[in-house]
Amino acid sequence: MSLDIRTEIRSQDIERMLLQAGARAPVGIARALNRAGVPTENAYLRVVKTTLGLRNHPYAKAPVGNVMKRRTSRRAATAANLVYSLAGFGRGLPAIYYQPKEAPAGASINWLGARQRIDRSFYLSAKFPRRKRGAISHAVWRRTGHGKWALDRPRGPGIPEAMTQDAPRTTWESQAAARLGPALASALAAVLRGY
């Protein structure tokens, strides 16, 4: 699945600067795209994180920001390729990042804004109601059979699923529209000054 979000800006001053910059214009445009793209990407990923309901968990092995960074890929703009792109890939994150809550029937996680129970799952040790952290509490585990170690680790929804939701798309469009025009004017002015 692919999702393209395009931002259009209109300014006669920028068009005049583009004509004056001539062959050096792509360098300025690439700088502007990258300068506007990084903060736009950061705001976008914060909304993706909120959409997924991700939070750091004290028992998890890595912070949720690091886990999200490993599942996204940014491609910066260059003078030869005037496109700033961000891609999400992979399966969903481990369920421990989706605000797990335990109950006798199984742990429930936040699934795109709604609680969803994972049957026969747990992440704490001992018997109810005195559950506590155990040696394997770094993940939510689901029983898949009858043996003690017949377990697997369920996952929540993936980053690509959240990237296509309305709130992240709106954030990307509004942030890019607000940042790209001033960044383009500044970068082209720098090119015209000889930088």
C-alpha atoms as a PDB file:
ATOM      1  CA  MET A   1       0.000   0.000   0.000  1.00  0.00           C
ATOM      2  CA  SER A   2       1.326   3.422  -0.910  1.00  0.00           C
ATOM      3  CA  LEU A   3       0.192   6.820   0.306  1.00  0.00           C
ATOM      4  CA  ASP A   4       1.270  10.045  -1.393  1.00  0.00           C
ATOM      5  CA  ILE A   5       0.728  13.412   0.253  1.00  0.00           C
ATOM      6  CA  ARG A   6       1.561  16.427  -1.879  1.00  0.00           C
ATOM      7  CA  THR A   7       1.940  20.025  -0.723  1.00  0.00           C
ATOM      8  CA  GLU A   8       1.377  22.929  -3.102  1.00  0.00           C
ATOM      9  CA  ILE A   9       2.503  26.480  -2.443  1.00  0.00           C
ATOM     10  CA  ARG A  10       1.939  29.517  -4.631  1.00  0.00           C
ATOM     11  CA  SER A  11       4.088  32.619  -4.504  1.00  0.00           C
ATOM     12  CA  GLN A  12       5.206  34.985  -7.252  1.00  0.00           C
ATOM     13  CA  ASP A  13       8.288  35.997  -5.227  1.00  0.00           C
ATOM     14  CA  ILE A  14       9.482  32.387  -5.093  1.00  0.00           C
ATOM     15  CA  GLU A  15       8.910  31.957  -8.848  1.00  0.00           C
ATOM     16  CA  ARG A  16      11.017  35.055  -9.525  1.00  0.00           C
ATOM     17  CA  MET A  17      13.778  33.725  -7.229  1.00  0.00           C
ATOM     18  CA  LEU A  18      13.692  30.365  -9.022  1.00  0.00           C
ATOM     19  CA  LEU A  19      14.230  32.095 -12.369  1.00  0.00           C
ATOM     20  CA  GLN A  20      17.122  34.147 -10.972  1.00  0.00           C
ATOM     21  CA  ALA A  21      18.784  31.087  -9.369  1.00  0.00           C
ATOM     22  CA  GLY A  22      18.823  29.253 -12.707  1.00  0.00           C
ATOM     23  CA  ALA A  23      20.895  26.056 -12.606  1.00  0.00           C
ATOM     24  CA  ARG A  24      21.544  26.443  -8.839  1.00  0.00           C
ATOM     25  CA  ALA A  25      17.789  26.358  -8.055  1.00  0.00           C
ATOM     26  CA  PRO A  26      17.622  22.562  -7.423  1.00  0.00           C
ATOM     27  CA  VAL A  27      20.241  22.894  -4.663  1.00  0.00           C
ATOM     28  CA  GLY A  28      18.132  25.518  -2.886  1.00  0.00           C
ATOM     29  CA  ILE A  29      14.929  23.553  -3.365  1.00  0.00           C
ATOM     30  CA  ALA A  30      16.526  20.406  -1.908  1.00  0.00           C
ATOM     31  CA  ARG A  31      17.776  22.372   1.123  1.00  0.00           C
ATOM     32  CA  ALA A  32      14.300  23.818   1.661  1.00  0.00           C
ATOM     33  CA  LEU A  33      12.594  20.434   1.352  1.00  0.00           C
ATOM     34  CA  ASN A  34      14.941  18.930   3.943  1.00  0.00           C
ATOM     35  CA  ARG A  35      14.682  21.949   6.255  1.00  0.00           C
ATOM     36  CA  ALA A  36      10.885  21.795   6.179  1.00  0.00           C
ATOM     37  CA  GLY A  37      10.703  18.001   6.015  1.00  0.00           C
ATOM     38  CA  VAL A  38      12.489  17.089   9.253  1.00  0.00           C
ATOM     39  CA  PRO A  39      10.218  19.037  11.659  1.00  0.00           C
ATOM     40  CA  THR A  40       7.166  18.010   9.622  1.00  0.00           C
ATOM     41  CA  GLU A  41       8.241  14.373   9.926  1.00  0.00           C
ATOM     42  CA  ASN A  42       8.752  14.727  13.694  1.00  0.00           C
ATOM     43  CA  ALA A  43       5.257  16.198  14.172  1.00  0.00           C
ATOM     44  CA  TYR A  44       3.789  13.519  11.890  1.00  0.00           C
ATOM     45  CA  LEU A  45       5.425  10.657  13.805  1.00  0.00           C
ATOM     46  CA  ARG A  46       4.211  12.085  17.123  1.00  0.00           C
ATOM     47  CA  VAL A  47       0.644  11.928  15.768  1.00  0.00           C
ATOM     48  CA  VAL A  48       1.258   8.382  14.440  1.00  0.00           C
ATOM     49  CA  LYS A  49       2.459   7.400  17.920  1.00  0.00           C
ATOM     50  CA  THR A  50      -0.681   8.918  19.477  1.00  0.00           C
ATOM     51  CA  THR A  51      -2.926   7.243  16.877  1.00  0.00           C
ATOM     52  CA  LEU A  52      -1.423   3.855  17.694  1.00  0.00           C
ATOM     53  CA  GLY A  53      -1.653   4.547  21.431  1.00  0.00           C
ATOM     54  CA  LEU A  54       2.033   3.728  21.921  1.00  0.00           C
ATOM     55  CA  ARG A  55       3.699   4.443  25.247  1.00  0.00           C
ATOM     56  CA  ASN A  56       6.970   3.533  26.881  1.00  0.00           C
ATOM     57  CA  HIS A  57       6.458   0.632  29.263  1.00  0.00           C
ATOM     58  CA  PRO A  58       8.737   0.209  32.274  1.00  0.00           C
ATOM     59  CA  TYR A  59       9.203  -3.492  31.474  1.00  0.00           C
ATOM     60  CA  ALA A  60       9.944  -3.057  27.736  1.00  0.00           C
ATOM     61  CA  LYS A  61      13.506  -3.539  26.523  1.00  0.00           C
ATOM     62  CA  ALA A  62      13.715  -0.371  24.346  1.00  0.00           C
ATOM     63  CA  PRO A  63      12.010   3.040  24.307  1.00  0.00           C
ATOM     64  CA  VAL A  64       9.087   3.274  21.888  1.00  0.00           C
ATOM     65  CA  GLY A  65      10.828   6.081  19.951  1.00  0.00           C
ATOM     66  CA  ASN A  66      13.732   3.778  19.066  1.00  0.00           C
ATOM     67  CA  VAL A  67      11.358   0.998  18.041  1.00  0.00           C
ATOM     68  CA  MET A  68       9.413   3.388  15.760  1.00  0.00           C
ATOM     69  CA  LYS A  69      12.634   4.745  14.238  1.00  0.00           C
ATOM     70  CA  ARG A  70      13.658   1.214  13.206  1.00  0.00           C
ATOM     71  CA  ARG A  71      10.322   0.831  11.385  1.00  0.00           C
ATOM     72  CA  THR A  72      10.455   4.056   9.382  1.00  0.00           C
ATOM     73  CA  SER A  73      12.771   5.145   6.600  1.00  0.00           C
ATOM     74  CA  ARG A  74      13.384   8.740   5.552  1.00  0.00           C
ATOM     75  CA  ARG A  75      14.797   9.667   2.161  1.00  0.00           C
ATOM     76  CA  ALA A  76      16.071  13.239   2.061  1.00  0.00           C
ATOM     77  CA  ALA A  77      15.792  15.397  -1.041  1.00  0.00           C
ATOM     78  CA  THR A  78      18.835  15.978  -3.252  1.00  0.00           C
ATOM     79  CA  ALA A  79      19.430  18.298  -6.186  1.00  0.00           C
ATOM     80  CA  ALA A  80      18.904  15.315  -8.517  1.00  0.00           C
ATOM     81  CA  ASN A  81      15.777  14.034  -6.702  1.00  0.00           C
ATOM     82  CA  LEU A  82      13.550  16.811  -5.361  1.00  0.00           C
ATOM     83  CA  VAL A  83      11.359  14.569  -3.194  1.00  0.00           C
ATOM     84  CA  TYR A  84      11.364  14.240   0.596  1.00  0.00           C
ATOM     85  CA  SER A  85       9.821  10.901   1.522  1.00  0.00           C
ATOM     86  CA  LEU A  86       9.012   8.908   4.640  1.00  0.00           C
ATOM     87  CA  ALA A  87       8.082   5.226   4.550  1.00  0.00           C
ATOM     88  CA  GLY A  88       6.758   2.939   7.264  1.00  0.00           C
ATOM     89  CA  PHE A  89       7.234  -0.806   7.044  1.00  0.00           C
ATOM     90  CA  GLY A  90       7.164  -4.038   8.978  1.00  0.00           C
ATOM     91  CA  ARG A  91       4.747  -5.768  11.276  1.00  0.00           C
ATOM     92  CA  GLY A  92       3.155  -4.177  14.303  1.00  0.00           C
ATOM     93  CA  LEU A  93       5.161  -3.436  17.420  1.00  0.00           C
ATOM     94  CA  PRO A  94       5.196  -5.911  20.309  1.00  0.00           C
ATOM     95  CA  ALA A  95       2.009  -5.649  22.398  1.00  0.00           C
ATOM     96  CA  ILE A  96       3.910  -4.363  25.464  1.00  0.00           C
ATOM     97  CA  TYR A  97       4.012  -0.891  23.824  1.00  0.00           C
ATOM     98  CA  TYR A  98       0.204  -0.659  23.398  1.00  0.00           C
ATOM     99  CA  GLN A  99      -0.668   0.106  27.052  1.00  0.00           C
ATOM    100  CA  PRO A 100      -1.328  -3.498  28.157  1.00  0.00           C
ATOM    101  CA  LYS A 101      -3.689  -4.204  31.052  1.00  0.00           C
ATOM    102  CA  GLU A 102      -4.068  -7.619  32.576  1.00  0.00           C
ATOM    103  CA  ALA A 103      -7.292  -9.431  33.461  1.00  0.00           C
ATOM    104  CA  PRO A 104      -7.921 -13.115  34.260  1.00  0.00           C
ATOM    105  CA  ALA A 105      -9.168 -13.715  30.678  1.00  0.00           C
ATOM    106  CA  GLY A 106      -6.066 -12.153  29.104  1.00  0.00           C
ATOM    107  CA  ALA A 107      -4.252  -8.878  28.548  1.00  0.00           C
ATOM    108  CA  SER A 108      -5.924  -6.104  26.582  1.00  0.00           C
ATOM    109  CA  ILE A 109      -4.099  -3.555  24.451  1.00  0.00           C
ATOM    110  CA  ASN A 110      -4.992  -0.236  22.833  1.00  0.00           C
ATOM    111  CA  TRP A 111      -5.768  -1.065  19.186  1.00  0.00           C
ATOM    112  CA  LEU A 112      -6.068   2.183  17.170  1.00  0.00           C
ATOM    113  CA  GLY A 113      -8.005   3.918  19.952  1.00  0.00           C
ATOM    114  CA  ALA A 114     -10.068   0.979  21.279  1.00  0.00           C
ATOM    115  CA  ARG A 115      -9.193  -1.728  23.815  1.00  0.00           C
ATOM    116  CA  GLN A 116      -8.846  -5.211  22.330  1.00  0.00           C
ATOM    117  CA  ARG A 117      -8.354  -8.330  24.435  1.00  0.00           C
ATOM    118  CA  ILE A 118      -5.797 -10.956  23.527  1.00  0.00           C
ATOM    119  CA  ASP A 119      -7.164 -14.282  24.809  1.00  0.00           C
ATOM    120  CA  ARG A 120      -4.906 -16.482  26.952  1.00  0.00           C
ATOM    121  CA  SER A 121      -2.257 -13.773  27.295  1.00  0.00           C
ATOM    122  CA  PHE A 122      -0.244 -12.349  30.195  1.00  0.00           C
ATOM    123  CA  TYR A 123       2.872 -10.340  31.023  1.00  0.00           C
ATOM    124  CA  LEU A 124       3.018 -10.526  34.833  1.00  0.00           C
ATOM    125  CA  SER A 125       3.835 -13.524  37.056  1.00  0.00           C
ATOM    126  CA  ALA A 126       2.106 -15.174  40.039  1.00  0.00           C
ATOM    127  CA  LYS A 127      -1.632 -15.623  40.594  1.00  0.00           C
ATOM    128  CA  PHE A 128      -4.367 -13.012  40.634  1.00  0.00           C
ATOM    129  CA  PRO A 129      -4.781 -10.637  42.365  1.00  0.00           C
ATOM    130  CA  ARG A 130      -1.122 -10.449  43.510  1.00  0.00           C
ATOM    131  CA  ARG A 131       0.530 -10.254  40.088  1.00  0.00           C
ATOM    132  CA  LYS A 132       4.125  -8.988  39.909  1.00  0.00           C
ATOM    133  CA  ARG A 133       7.000  -8.494  37.494  1.00  0.00           C
ATOM    134  CA  GLY A 134       8.701 -11.723  36.480  1.00  0.00           C
ATOM    135  CA  ALA A 135      11.690 -12.842  34.426  1.00  0.00           C
ATOM    136  CA  ILE A 136       9.693 -12.765  31.167  1.00  0.00           C
ATOM    137  CA  SER A 137       7.687  -9.579  31.843  1.00  0.00           C
ATOM    138  CA  HIS A 138       9.472  -7.666  29.045  1.00  0.00           C
ATOM    139  CA  ALA A 139       6.717  -8.745  26.613  1.00  0.00           C
ATOM    140  CA  VAL A 140       3.065  -9.743  26.451  1.00  0.00           C
ATOM    141  CA  TRP A 141       2.883 -13.515  25.927  1.00  0.00           C
ATOM    142  CA  ARG A 142       0.034 -15.606  24.463  1.00  0.00           C
ATOM    143  CA  ARG A 143      -0.390 -19.304  25.153  1.00  0.00           C
ATOM    144  CA  THR A 144      -0.503 -21.322  21.934  1.00  0.00           C
ATOM    145  CA  GLY A 145      -0.696 -24.845  23.381  1.00  0.00           C
ATOM    146  CA  HIS A 146      -0.598 -26.943  26.523  1.00  0.00           C
ATOM    147  CA  GLY A 147       3.106 -26.875  27.395  1.00  0.00           C
ATOM    148  CA  LYS A 148       4.688 -24.380  29.776  1.00  0.00           C
ATOM    149  CA  TRP A 149       6.701 -22.783  26.971  1.00  0.00           C
ATOM    150  CA  ALA A 150       4.102 -22.984  24.199  1.00  0.00           C
ATOM    151  CA  LEU A 151       4.090 -19.192  23.892  1.00  0.00           C
ATOM    152  CA  ASP A 152       4.284 -16.509  21.247  1.00  0.00           C
ATOM    153  CA  ARG A 153       4.405 -12.712  21.397  1.00  0.00           C
ATOM    154  CA  PRO A 154       1.350 -10.998  19.895  1.00  0.00           C
ATOM    155  CA  ARG A 155       1.732  -7.682  18.110  1.00  0.00           C
ATOM    156  CA  GLY A 156      -0.452  -4.622  17.721  1.00  0.00           C
ATOM    157  CA  PRO A 157      -1.278  -2.719  14.524  1.00  0.00           C
ATOM    158  CA  GLY A 158       1.638  -1.641  12.343  1.00  0.00           C
ATOM    159  CA  ILE A 159       3.032   1.808  11.654  1.00  0.00           C
ATOM    160  CA  PRO A 160       1.943   1.674   7.958  1.00  0.00           C
ATOM    161  CA  GLU A 161      -1.669   1.163   9.133  1.00  0.00           C
ATOM    162  CA  ALA A 162      -1.514   4.257  11.348  1.00  0.00           C
ATOM    163  CA  MET A 163       0.204   6.363   8.676  1.00  0.00           C
ATOM    164  CA  THR A 164      -2.878   6.117   6.458  1.00  0.00           C
ATOM    165  CA  GLN A 165      -5.276   7.408   9.142  1.00  0.00           C
ATOM    166  CA  ASP A 166      -6.780  10.896   8.775  1.00  0.00           C
ATOM    167  CA  ALA A 167      -5.107  12.624  11.754  1.00  0.00           C
ATOM    168  CA  PRO A 168      -1.498  11.928  10.651  1.00  0.00           C
ATOM    169  CA  ARG A 169      -2.253  12.913   7.036  1.00  0.00           C
ATOM    170  CA  THR A 170      -3.814  16.206   8.147  1.00  0.00           C
ATOM    171  CA  THR A 171      -0.797  16.917  10.364  1.00  0.00           C
ATOM    172  CA  TRP A 172       1.633  16.281   7.500  1.00  0.00           C
ATOM    173  CA  GLU A 173      -0.299  18.509   5.101  1.00  0.00           C
ATOM    174  CA  SER A 174      -0.691  21.415   7.541  1.00  0.00           C
ATOM    175  CA  GLN A 175       2.907  21.305   8.819  1.00  0.00           C
ATOM    176  CA  ALA A 176       4.384  21.025   5.321  1.00  0.00           C
ATOM    177  CA  ALA A 177       2.218  23.849   3.967  1.00  0.00           C
ATOM    178  CA  ALA A 178       3.218  26.134   6.849  1.00  0.00           C
ATOM    179  CA  ARG A 179       6.963  25.380   6.701  1.00  0.00           C
ATOM    180  CA  LEU A 180       7.767  24.873   3.025  1.00  0.00           C
ATOM    181  CA  GLY A 181       7.135  28.405   1.718  1.00  0.00           C
ATOM    182  CA  PRO A 182       9.393  30.234   4.226  1.00  0.00           C
ATOM    183  CA  ALA A 183      12.071  27.522   3.965  1.00  0.00           C
ATOM    184  CA  LEU A 184      12.055  27.781   0.167  1.00  0.00           C
ATOM    185  CA  ALA A 185      12.316  31.576   0.223  1.00  0.00           C
ATOM    186  CA  SER A 186      15.203  31.424   2.728  1.00  0.00           C
ATOM    187  CA  ALA A 187      17.109  28.713   0.835  1.00  0.00           C
ATOM    188  CA  LEU A 188      16.735  30.446  -2.542  1.00  0.00           C
ATOM    189  CA  ALA A 189      17.863  33.767  -1.016  1.00  0.00           C
ATOM    190  CA  ALA A 190      20.968  31.976   0.288  1.00  0.00           C
ATOM    191  CA  VAL A 191      21.646  30.517  -3.181  1.00  0.00           C
ATOM    192  CA  LEU A 192      21.338  33.981  -4.736  1.00  0.00           C
ATOM    193  CA  ARG A 193      23.793  35.367  -2.180  1.00  0.00           C
ATOM    194  CA  GLY A 194      26.299  32.693  -3.236  1.00  0.00           C
ATOM    195  CA  TYR A 195      25.880  30.118  -0.477  1.00  0.00           C
END
